[in-house]
Structures are given as C-alpha cells and as structure tokens.
C-alpha cells in the first residue's frame, strides 16, 4: 500500500492512501460472503449465486461500499503508524477513485497534535492565601447537615408555598396539540428551583393538594426550535405537597448522624474538615492561577477539528449524565430553553481551555523530564482500591493497557502542575 502526506494549515494534514487492487478484491470477496444470503438472483437459490453472477446482474460496484468499510480502518491506522502521525480528531474520509480492476485511492483529512512553545513557566508569581474557619462557617455546615437529614412530611392544611417539594402530573399543549417531552407523571419538583421555563413554578404556589389546574407559560425565543417563543398550556394535577422538617441540633443529633457522642465534638470535627477543605480550595486556586499564566504565555495553533471533537465528547458525556438521571437531551433542551447550537457554544470555551491545558502540561512534562515511576503507579492503584474497597492486586490486574496509559498521562499532568506550583513565587 502507498501512503503520502500533505500538510495543510493549522495542523491539519491530508493522507492519501492507495489500496492495491488485489487487497480490495479480497475485501469485496469478504463482503460477498457476508451478504450473499441476503441477495436474490433469478435462477439461483438464495445464498447460492456466485459472486461473478451477482456482479454481472447488479454491477461490479455492488460490494464496493461494504468492502471499503471493511478494509479502510486497518488501511487508515497503518498509514497513521507509517507516517508517524499523532492524530487528535476523527478523519474526514473522501474516496478519490474506486473502480473495478484499479487500486482504490482514499484521502483522510485529520488534525494532528499541535506543537507547543512554552513561554516563561518557571517562577510564575501567584498569591498564597491564608485560610480560616469561623463559627458562622461551622453553623452553616451544621445547617446543611440538618437539611440533608431532614424528612419530608405531607402538607394538608395549606396551599403550596415556595420551597415546598411537590409531586405533579403534567401534560403540555401548544396550539391545542400535545408536544414531545411535555408530559410526565409523579414528577418531583422543588418550588423555587427554576427547573421549568417562565412562571411554571410560580403558578403552582397557592394551589392545594389533589387540585387540577392549568399553567400557561411562554417558551423563550432561544428555546427548542419547535417551541421557541410559543405559548403552552399545561394540564397540571398537584398530587402531593411536602415540606422539610429539620431535626433538632443537639447531642442526640450528633449520635445519630455522626461518629461523635456530643454536638461539641461534632462541631470540632466540622471545623477541622472545613479548614482542610478551604486550604485545598486555596491551593487549587493558586494552582489554577499558575497554570492559567503558563497557558497564556504559551503558543500553539489548535486545529478546529480538534476543538469540535472535544465539544462532541463533552456533549456526549453530558447526555450520558442526563440519561442516568432519567432525562433525555430533548427533554433537557425543552426544560432549559436551549438547543444543540447554543449547548455546543456554551461548552466550546471549556473545550478549548481543556485542550490548551493538556498540551501545555504535556510540554512541561517533556521540558522537565518528569516521569511516573512504578511505585507512583502502584500508589495510585492503592488509592483507588481503598476508595472502592477492593484488593489492589485484583484491581491492577483488571486495568487494561489503554486504561493504564490514560492513568499514566493523567499522573504526569498532575506532576507537571505540582512542579509548576512548587516553582512558583509568592506575590
């Protein structure tokens, strides 16, 4: 196979790959073997027609698409390896030539990892904060604990108020017609959470349990294209009203909800944990300041395809997280008044920032010859084993080569951040 490389602007390259006639013919034969039982040819039982007869009847190109899909992944990966490319995006494939009896010529346009030129990265000036925990901080933490351990009690003697938890059925209509994602049963909603568009939640306030009523809202102009700017009527049934009942903060509370016997001991532990948390947050802020300064001083030309791939990945992760919560992407967009274009725009800046950060940290690792030892890796595995309460050796044995490579890269990045902070100067 013959592979050639053409360098384009902004770290994009075009790989031209020539697939020999013999190799492509073998791929066509594999496609024939796979598809022959689905092809009907007059005079032959299903699955018994010879390949040449099928090609004569339907045209030689009948197996070309399946053959190319079969052979191209290996052809592409071999070309990337041969040309020693570090690709950072999905390839855009174009078929330049695919004819019977001739080599197939395919091009792949793809982004390659940009080179990074570091600016001044040693001795970055960053303020070192002094942290403290006040009594008010501890009381606020106690309040959060009480909120978390509050129990919900049914409300039957008054209408719904802001802050209540309600359970509702709703069915939405636009122009008298039901719309997708506008219906739900036994939906749990905190009034005042602004989870729904417009004044939906406000119109539940003042209604009683088991009451049925209409809620009229107007979707924002930037909402899902089918609903943007339209008025909707929701048929709502308020099935239940609940409020939080907070527990008494005393020694009994400490015994029930902590490992301590007295509230004083519990508060002392909260103070200690808050101080550790605040110190870590301060350290993280300083590390962020240092890293942002190093990124700002670095030079790199990030290809657009690399950014788009990262945006795709972030959107997919977000969609997966929504699905775990029982919400699909269409429902989320309807509830928040967003669309795919606005969602992609909202994560784009974070995508670019994460790419720059990864590239800069990789450059620091290389510049300072930072390494992750076997002992470092074993210690990281032990941390994970302790977290998931399994044996370290068993966990290590279940880590694939690709997972290990990802862990090592992440550990190197962490070492680079630690090195930058250790070599930073105080303001």
Protein backbone atom coordinates (compact mmCIF):
# COMPACT_ATOMS: atom_id res chain seq x y z
CA UNK A 1 0.00 0.00 0.00
CA UNK A 2 1.18 3.50 -0.81
CA UNK A 3 0.64 6.39 1.61
CA UNK A 4 1.56 10.02 1.09
CA UNK A 5 1.17 13.06 3.33
CA UNK A 6 0.20 16.65 2.53
CA UNK A 7 0.49 19.24 5.29
CA UNK A 8 -2.33 21.79 5.42
CA UNK A 9 -2.81 24.92 7.52
CA UNK A 10 -3.50 24.94 11.28
CA UNK A 11 -2.06 21.47 11.99
CA UNK A 12 -4.34 19.71 9.53
CA UNK A 13 -2.95 17.04 7.20
CA UNK A 14 -4.29 15.08 4.24
CA UNK A 15 -3.29 11.42 4.00
CA UNK A 16 -3.59 9.83 0.56
CA UNK A 17 -3.91 6.05 0.75
CA UNK A 18 -3.75 3.70 -2.23
CA UNK A 19 -5.29 0.27 -1.68
CA UNK A 20 -3.90 -2.34 -4.12
CA UNK A 21 -6.39 -3.98 -6.47
CA UNK A 22 -5.69 -7.43 -5.04
CA UNK A 23 -6.33 -6.31 -1.42
CA UNK A 24 -9.56 -4.56 -2.36
CA UNK A 25 -10.74 -7.58 -4.34
CA UNK A 26 -10.23 -9.74 -1.24
CA UNK A 27 -12.31 -7.24 0.76
CA UNK A 28 -15.03 -7.46 -1.92
CA UNK A 29 -14.99 -11.25 -1.56
CA UNK A 30 -15.42 -10.92 2.21
CA UNK A 31 -18.36 -8.59 1.57
CA UNK A 32 -19.83 -11.15 -0.85
CA UNK A 33 -19.51 -13.95 1.71
CA UNK A 34 -21.21 -11.77 4.30
CA UNK A 35 -24.07 -10.56 2.09
CA UNK A 36 -24.74 -13.43 -0.34
CA UNK A 37 -27.51 -14.95 1.78
CA UNK A 38 -29.47 -11.70 1.50
CA UNK A 39 -29.20 -11.39 -2.27
CA UNK A 40 -31.82 -12.83 -4.61
CA UNK A 41 -30.81 -13.71 -8.17
CA UNK A 42 -33.14 -15.31 -10.74
CA UNK A 43 -32.23 -18.95 -11.34
CA UNK A 44 -30.35 -19.42 -8.08
CA UNK A 45 -31.42 -20.39 -4.61
CA UNK A 46 -30.88 -17.66 -2.02
CA UNK A 47 -27.23 -17.62 -0.96
CA UNK A 48 -26.05 -19.88 -3.82
CA UNK A 49 -25.44 -17.30 -6.57
CA UNK A 50 -21.74 -16.96 -7.48
CA UNK A 51 -20.14 -13.59 -6.87
CA UNK A 52 -19.43 -13.02 -10.57
CA UNK A 53 -23.05 -13.66 -11.48
CA UNK A 54 -24.25 -11.21 -8.81
CA UNK A 55 -21.78 -8.57 -10.04
CA UNK A 56 -22.86 -9.14 -13.64
CA UNK A 57 -26.51 -8.72 -12.71
CA UNK A 58 -26.25 -5.85 -10.22
CA UNK A 59 -22.97 -4.25 -11.30
CA UNK A 60 -19.41 -4.74 -10.06
CA UNK A 61 -19.88 -1.91 -7.56
CA UNK A 62 -22.43 -3.84 -5.50
CA UNK A 63 -19.83 -4.87 -2.89
CA UNK A 64 -17.62 -1.78 -3.06
CA UNK A 65 -19.12 0.13 -0.12
CA UNK A 66 -19.09 -2.82 2.27
CA UNK A 67 -15.59 -3.77 1.13
CA UNK A 68 -14.27 -0.27 1.75
CA UNK A 69 -15.90 -0.14 5.19
CA UNK A 70 -14.22 -3.47 5.95
CA UNK A 71 -10.69 -2.63 4.82
CA UNK A 72 -10.42 1.11 5.45
CA UNK A 73 -9.96 1.12 9.27
CA UNK A 74 -6.82 -1.01 9.04
CA UNK A 75 -5.56 0.90 5.99
CA UNK A 76 -6.01 4.20 7.82
CA UNK A 77 -4.40 3.03 11.08
CA UNK A 78 -1.44 1.56 9.19
CA UNK A 79 -0.99 4.85 7.30
CA UNK A 80 -1.06 6.84 10.55
CA UNK A 81 1.54 4.49 12.03
CA UNK A 82 3.75 4.52 8.94
CA UNK A 83 3.69 8.32 8.68
CA UNK A 84 4.26 8.62 12.46
CA UNK A 85 1.31 10.94 12.99
CA UNK A 86 -0.21 11.89 16.35
CA UNK A 87 -3.83 12.41 15.25
CA UNK A 88 -6.22 14.30 17.52
CA UNK A 89 -9.52 14.21 15.61
CA UNK A 90 -11.71 11.87 13.65
CA UNK A 91 -10.72 11.71 9.97
CA UNK A 92 -12.82 13.15 7.19
CA UNK A 93 -12.77 10.47 4.50
CA UNK A 94 -13.06 11.15 0.76
CA UNK A 95 -12.97 8.48 -1.95
CA UNK A 96 -10.93 9.81 -4.86
CA UNK A 97 -11.00 6.69 -7.01
CA UNK A 98 -12.87 3.39 -6.71
CA UNK A 99 -13.15 1.49 -9.96
CA UNK A 100 -13.16 -2.20 -10.84
CA UNK A 101 -9.71 -3.52 -11.69
CA UNK A 102 -7.83 -0.48 -10.33
CA UNK A 103 -6.26 0.48 -6.99
CA UNK A 104 -8.64 2.36 -4.71
CA UNK A 105 -7.47 5.84 -3.70
CA UNK A 106 -8.84 7.34 -0.49
CA UNK A 107 -7.86 10.52 1.36
CA UNK A 108 -8.26 11.25 5.06
CA UNK A 109 -8.16 14.83 6.32
CA UNK A 110 -7.32 14.87 10.00
CA UNK A 111 -5.92 17.10 12.75
CA UNK A 112 -2.53 16.34 14.28
CA UNK A 113 -1.32 17.35 17.72
CA UNK A 114 -0.01 20.93 17.71
CA UNK A 115 3.49 21.74 18.87
CA UNK A 116 3.64 23.94 21.97
CA UNK A 117 6.18 26.67 22.56
CA UNK A 118 6.32 27.43 26.26
CA UNK A 119 6.86 30.96 27.47
CA UNK A 120 8.11 31.76 30.97
CA UNK A 121 6.82 28.88 33.05
CA UNK A 122 9.29 28.84 35.94
CA UNK A 123 8.80 31.24 38.80
CA UNK A 124 5.26 32.36 37.96
CA UNK A 125 4.04 34.85 40.56
CA UNK A 126 0.85 33.77 42.41
CA UNK A 127 -0.65 34.85 45.72
CA UNK A 128 -0.69 32.35 48.56
CA UNK A 129 -3.91 32.69 50.55
CA UNK A 130 -4.28 32.43 54.32
CA UNK A 131 -7.42 30.50 55.23
CA UNK A 132 -9.52 30.49 58.38
CA UNK A 133 -12.79 28.93 59.57
CA UNK A 134 -15.26 30.98 61.62
CA UNK A 135 -18.03 29.88 63.96
CA UNK A 136 -20.54 31.02 61.34
CA UNK A 137 -18.90 28.66 58.85
CA UNK A 138 -19.39 25.74 61.23
CA UNK A 139 -23.01 26.71 61.91
CA UNK A 140 -23.69 26.92 58.18
CA UNK A 141 -22.22 23.45 57.73
CA UNK A 142 -24.42 22.17 60.56
CA UNK A 143 -27.42 23.69 58.83
CA UNK A 144 -26.51 21.91 55.59
CA UNK A 145 -26.23 18.65 57.50
CA UNK A 146 -29.66 19.18 59.03
CA UNK A 147 -31.13 19.98 55.60
CA UNK A 148 -29.64 16.80 54.20
CA UNK A 149 -31.08 14.73 57.02
CA UNK A 150 -34.45 16.46 57.07
CA UNK A 151 -37.52 14.36 56.48
CA UNK A 152 -40.32 15.24 54.13
CA UNK A 153 -43.77 15.49 55.71
CA UNK A 154 -47.04 15.80 53.84
CA UNK A 155 -48.77 19.17 53.92
CA UNK A 156 -52.57 19.03 54.03
CA UNK A 157 -53.56 22.20 55.86
CA UNK A 158 -52.35 24.87 53.44
CA UNK A 159 -51.64 25.54 49.77
CA UNK A 160 -48.21 25.09 48.16
CA UNK A 161 -45.51 27.62 49.00
CA UNK A 162 -42.09 28.43 47.57
CA UNK A 163 -39.56 25.95 48.95
CA UNK A 164 -42.07 23.10 49.11
CA UNK A 165 -41.45 19.77 47.42
CA UNK A 166 -44.39 18.88 45.20
CA UNK A 167 -45.33 15.83 43.17
CA UNK A 168 -47.22 16.63 39.98
CA UNK A 169 -48.59 15.14 36.78
CA UNK A 170 -48.48 17.45 33.79
CA UNK A 171 -49.42 17.32 30.14
CA UNK A 172 -48.40 20.19 27.84
CA UNK A 173 -50.13 21.51 24.71
CA UNK A 174 -49.18 24.09 22.09
CA UNK A 175 -51.97 25.28 19.80
CA UNK A 176 -54.13 22.54 21.30
CA UNK A 177 -51.72 19.76 20.37
CA UNK A 178 -49.56 17.70 22.74
CA UNK A 179 -45.82 18.06 22.14
CA UNK A 180 -42.96 15.64 22.70
CA UNK A 181 -41.41 15.83 26.17
CA UNK A 182 -44.33 17.83 27.55
CA UNK A 183 -45.85 15.04 29.63
CA UNK A 184 -44.79 13.42 32.89
CA UNK A 185 -46.31 11.62 35.87
CA UNK A 186 -45.23 11.71 39.52
CA UNK A 187 -42.70 14.42 38.76
CA UNK A 188 -40.85 15.70 41.85
CA UNK A 189 -40.30 19.45 41.78
CA UNK A 190 -38.88 21.92 44.28
CA UNK A 191 -40.80 25.17 44.01
CA UNK A 192 -38.35 28.00 43.51
CA UNK A 193 -35.69 25.81 41.88
CA UNK A 194 -36.38 27.41 38.47
CA UNK A 195 -36.24 23.99 36.84
CA UNK A 196 -39.10 24.87 34.49
CA UNK A 197 -39.49 27.68 31.98
CA UNK A 198 -41.15 31.03 32.60
CA UNK A 199 -43.54 31.17 35.59
CA UNK A 200 -44.46 27.48 35.69
CA UNK A 201 -43.46 27.03 39.34
CA UNK A 202 -44.97 30.36 40.44
CA UNK A 203 -48.36 29.24 39.18
CA UNK A 204 -48.29 26.15 41.42
CA UNK A 205 -47.87 28.34 44.51
CA UNK A 206 -51.26 28.81 46.19
CA UNK A 207 -52.72 25.57 44.83
CA UNK A 208 -53.89 22.74 47.08
CA UNK A 209 -53.08 19.04 47.07
CA UNK A 210 -55.21 16.99 44.64
CA UNK A 211 -56.18 20.17 42.78
CA UNK A 212 -56.19 20.17 38.98
CA UNK A 213 -55.44 23.40 37.12
CA UNK A 214 -53.89 24.91 34.00
CA UNK A 215 -50.46 26.55 33.86
CA UNK A 216 -49.77 28.87 30.94
CA UNK A 217 -46.17 29.68 30.00
CA UNK A 218 -44.33 31.19 27.04
CA UNK A 219 -41.19 29.47 25.84
CA UNK A 220 -38.13 31.71 25.34
CA UNK A 221 -37.14 32.77 21.82
CA UNK A 222 -33.93 30.73 22.09
CA UNK A 223 -35.83 27.57 23.09
CA UNK A 224 -36.04 24.35 21.10
CA UNK A 225 -36.85 25.38 17.52
CA UNK A 226 -40.30 23.73 17.52
CA UNK A 227 -41.37 25.56 20.69
CA UNK A 228 -39.35 28.80 20.62
CA UNK A 229 -41.50 31.82 21.52
CA UNK A 230 -44.71 29.80 21.65
CA UNK A 231 -47.34 29.79 24.38
CA UNK A 232 -48.04 26.45 26.03
CA UNK A 233 -50.82 25.29 28.34
CA UNK A 234 -50.02 22.55 30.85
CA UNK A 235 -52.76 20.48 32.40
CA UNK A 236 -51.40 20.01 35.93
CA UNK A 237 -52.52 17.82 38.82
CA UNK A 238 -50.90 18.67 42.15
CA UNK A 239 -50.81 15.21 43.72
CA UNK A 240 -48.86 15.97 46.89
CA UNK A 241 -47.30 18.87 48.80
CA UNK A 242 -44.39 18.17 51.15
CA UNK A 243 -42.16 20.31 53.34
CA UNK A 244 -38.85 19.63 55.03
CA UNK A 245 -38.87 19.04 58.78
CA UNK A 246 -35.42 19.72 60.22
CA UNK A 247 -34.06 17.66 63.12
CA UNK A 248 -33.04 19.29 66.41
CA UNK A 249 -29.30 20.08 66.55
CA UNK A 250 -28.23 18.58 69.89
CA UNK A 251 -26.14 15.71 71.27
CA UNK A 252 -28.73 13.18 70.07
CA UNK A 253 -28.33 14.54 66.53
CA UNK A 254 -24.55 14.09 66.78
CA UNK A 255 -25.02 10.48 67.94
CA UNK A 256 -27.50 9.71 65.15
CA UNK A 257 -25.76 11.41 62.23
CA UNK A 258 -22.04 11.40 63.10
CA UNK A 259 -19.41 9.25 64.77
CA UNK A 260 -19.38 11.52 67.83
CA UNK A 261 -21.30 11.46 71.13
CA UNK A 262 -21.70 15.20 71.58
CA UNK A 263 -22.57 18.13 69.36
CA UNK A 264 -19.40 19.93 70.54
CA UNK A 265 -17.21 17.08 69.29
CA UNK A 266 -19.09 17.01 66.01
CA UNK A 267 -18.63 20.77 65.55
CA UNK A 268 -14.92 20.45 66.29
CA UNK A 269 -14.62 17.80 63.58
CA UNK A 270 -16.58 20.01 61.17
CA UNK A 271 -14.16 22.85 61.92
CA UNK A 272 -11.18 20.62 61.13
CA UNK A 273 -12.71 19.31 57.89
CA UNK A 274 -13.75 22.80 56.78
CA UNK A 275 -10.23 24.07 57.37
CA UNK A 276 -8.78 21.23 55.28
CA UNK A 277 -11.35 21.87 52.56
CA UNK A 278 -10.67 25.62 52.50
CA UNK A 279 -6.91 25.00 52.37
CA UNK A 280 -7.32 22.62 49.45
CA UNK A 281 -9.56 25.11 47.66
CA UNK A 282 -6.97 27.84 48.22
CA UNK A 283 -4.21 25.55 46.95
CA UNK A 284 -6.32 24.65 43.92
CA UNK A 285 -6.95 28.35 43.18
CA UNK A 286 -3.24 29.07 43.36
CA UNK A 287 -2.50 26.14 41.08
CA UNK A 288 -5.17 27.40 38.68
CA UNK A 289 -3.63 30.89 38.70
CA UNK A 290 -0.18 29.47 37.96
CA UNK A 291 -1.45 27.17 35.22
CA UNK A 292 -3.54 29.90 33.57
CA UNK A 293 -0.46 32.14 33.47
CA UNK A 294 1.65 29.41 31.87
CA UNK A 295 -1.09 28.68 29.30
CA UNK A 296 -1.40 32.39 28.49
CA UNK A 297 2.33 32.57 27.82
CA UNK A 298 2.43 29.51 25.58
CA UNK A 299 1.99 29.48 21.82
CA UNK A 300 0.10 26.79 19.92
CA UNK A 301 -2.10 26.53 16.84
CA UNK A 302 -5.10 24.37 17.74
CA UNK A 303 -6.93 22.88 14.73
CA UNK A 304 -10.67 23.47 14.58
CA UNK A 305 -11.34 19.75 14.09
CA UNK A 306 -9.65 19.05 17.43
CA UNK A 307 -11.93 21.53 19.20
CA UNK A 308 -15.04 20.13 17.52
CA UNK A 309 -14.10 16.61 18.56
CA UNK A 310 -13.65 17.75 22.16
CA UNK A 311 -17.03 19.52 22.06
CA UNK A 312 -18.62 16.31 20.72
CA UNK A 313 -17.07 14.34 23.59
CA UNK A 314 -18.26 16.82 26.22
CA UNK A 315 -21.80 16.84 24.80
CA UNK A 316 -21.85 13.03 24.79
CA UNK A 317 -20.68 12.88 28.41
CA UNK A 318 -23.33 15.43 29.37
CA UNK A 319 -26.00 13.42 27.56
CA UNK A 320 -24.91 10.24 29.38
CA UNK A 321 -25.13 12.02 32.74
CA UNK A 322 -28.63 13.22 31.90
CA UNK A 323 -29.66 9.70 30.94
CA UNK A 324 -28.51 8.42 34.34
CA UNK A 325 -30.97 10.93 35.83
CA UNK A 326 -33.80 9.68 33.62
CA UNK A 327 -33.74 12.69 31.28
CA UNK A 328 -33.01 12.65 27.56
CA UNK A 329 -31.41 15.51 25.66
CA UNK A 330 -34.67 16.67 24.05
CA UNK A 331 -36.35 16.94 27.46
CA UNK A 332 -33.39 18.89 28.85
CA UNK A 333 -33.50 21.36 25.98
CA UNK A 334 -37.22 21.87 26.37
CA UNK A 335 -36.89 22.42 30.12
CA UNK A 336 -33.98 24.85 29.81
CA UNK A 337 -34.94 26.62 26.60
CA UNK A 338 -31.71 25.65 24.85
CA UNK A 339 -30.88 23.95 21.57
CA UNK A 340 -27.91 21.98 20.27
CA UNK A 341 -26.27 25.05 18.74
CA UNK A 342 -26.45 27.02 22.00
CA UNK A 343 -25.32 23.98 24.00
CA UNK A 344 -22.29 23.49 21.77
CA UNK A 345 -21.47 27.19 22.00
CA UNK A 346 -21.71 27.05 25.81
CA UNK A 347 -19.12 24.27 26.13
CA UNK A 348 -16.78 25.42 23.38
CA UNK A 349 -14.71 27.71 25.60
CA UNK A 350 -14.22 24.92 28.14
CA UNK A 351 -13.27 22.55 25.31
CA UNK A 352 -10.59 24.94 24.05
CA UNK A 353 -9.31 25.54 27.58
CA UNK A 354 -9.04 21.83 28.36
CA UNK A 355 -7.12 21.22 25.13
CA UNK A 356 -4.66 24.04 25.85
CA UNK A 357 -4.20 22.83 29.40
CA UNK A 358 -3.45 19.25 28.34
CA UNK A 359 -0.98 20.38 25.66
CA UNK A 360 0.84 22.78 27.97
CA UNK A 361 1.16 20.24 30.78
CA UNK A 362 2.47 17.69 28.29
CA UNK A 363 5.06 20.25 27.16
CA UNK A 364 6.11 20.88 30.79
CA UNK A 365 6.45 17.13 31.39
CA UNK A 366 8.73 16.91 28.36
CA UNK A 367 10.75 20.05 29.18
CA UNK A 368 11.43 18.97 32.78
CA UNK A 369 11.74 15.22 32.10
CA UNK A 370 9.02 14.42 34.63
CA UNK A 371 8.33 10.72 35.00
CA UNK A 372 5.85 8.45 36.72
CA UNK A 373 7.58 5.53 38.40
CA UNK A 374 6.20 2.05 39.00
CA UNK A 375 5.98 2.98 42.68
CA UNK A 376 3.89 6.06 41.77
CA UNK A 377 1.52 3.94 39.72
CA UNK A 378 1.17 1.30 42.44
CA UNK A 379 0.39 4.03 44.98
CA UNK A 380 -2.34 5.41 42.70
CA UNK A 381 -3.83 1.93 42.27
CA UNK A 382 -3.81 1.52 46.06
CA UNK A 383 -5.74 4.80 46.45
CA UNK A 384 -8.38 3.57 44.00
CA UNK A 385 -8.50 0.18 45.70
CA UNK A 386 -9.07 1.83 49.09
CA UNK A 387 -11.76 4.03 47.58
CA UNK A 388 -13.68 1.12 46.05
CA UNK A 389 -12.80 -1.27 48.90
CA UNK A 390 -11.22 -3.98 46.76
CA UNK A 391 -7.79 -5.63 46.72
CA UNK A 392 -5.11 -3.57 44.96
CA UNK A 393 -3.66 -6.58 43.10
CA UNK A 394 -7.10 -7.55 41.82
CA UNK A 395 -7.78 -4.00 40.63
CA UNK A 396 -4.37 -3.75 38.97
CA UNK A 397 -4.99 -7.00 37.11
CA UNK A 398 -8.25 -5.63 35.69
CA UNK A 399 -6.68 -2.43 34.33
CA UNK A 400 -6.28 -2.68 30.55
CA UNK A 401 -3.24 -1.33 28.71
CA UNK A 402 -5.23 1.62 27.35
CA UNK A 403 -6.64 2.41 30.82
CA UNK A 404 -3.15 2.25 32.30
CA UNK A 405 -1.84 4.58 29.60
CA UNK A 406 -4.62 7.05 30.40
CA UNK A 407 -3.84 6.86 34.12
CA UNK A 408 -0.14 7.46 33.48
CA UNK A 409 -0.87 10.50 31.32
CA UNK A 410 -3.14 11.93 34.00
CA UNK A 411 -0.50 11.32 36.66
CA UNK A 412 2.13 13.04 34.54
CA UNK A 413 -0.15 16.05 34.14
CA UNK A 414 -0.66 16.15 37.90
CA UNK A 415 3.12 16.04 38.43
CA UNK A 416 3.51 18.92 35.99
CA UNK A 417 1.01 21.04 37.95
CA UNK A 418 2.76 20.20 41.22
CA UNK A 419 6.11 21.13 39.68
CA UNK A 420 4.78 24.48 38.40
CA UNK A 421 3.30 25.35 41.80
CA UNK A 422 6.44 24.27 43.66
CA UNK A 423 8.50 26.55 41.41
CA UNK A 424 6.07 29.50 41.58
CA UNK A 425 6.81 32.67 43.56
CA UNK A 426 4.58 34.24 46.17
CA UNK A 427 3.03 37.62 45.35
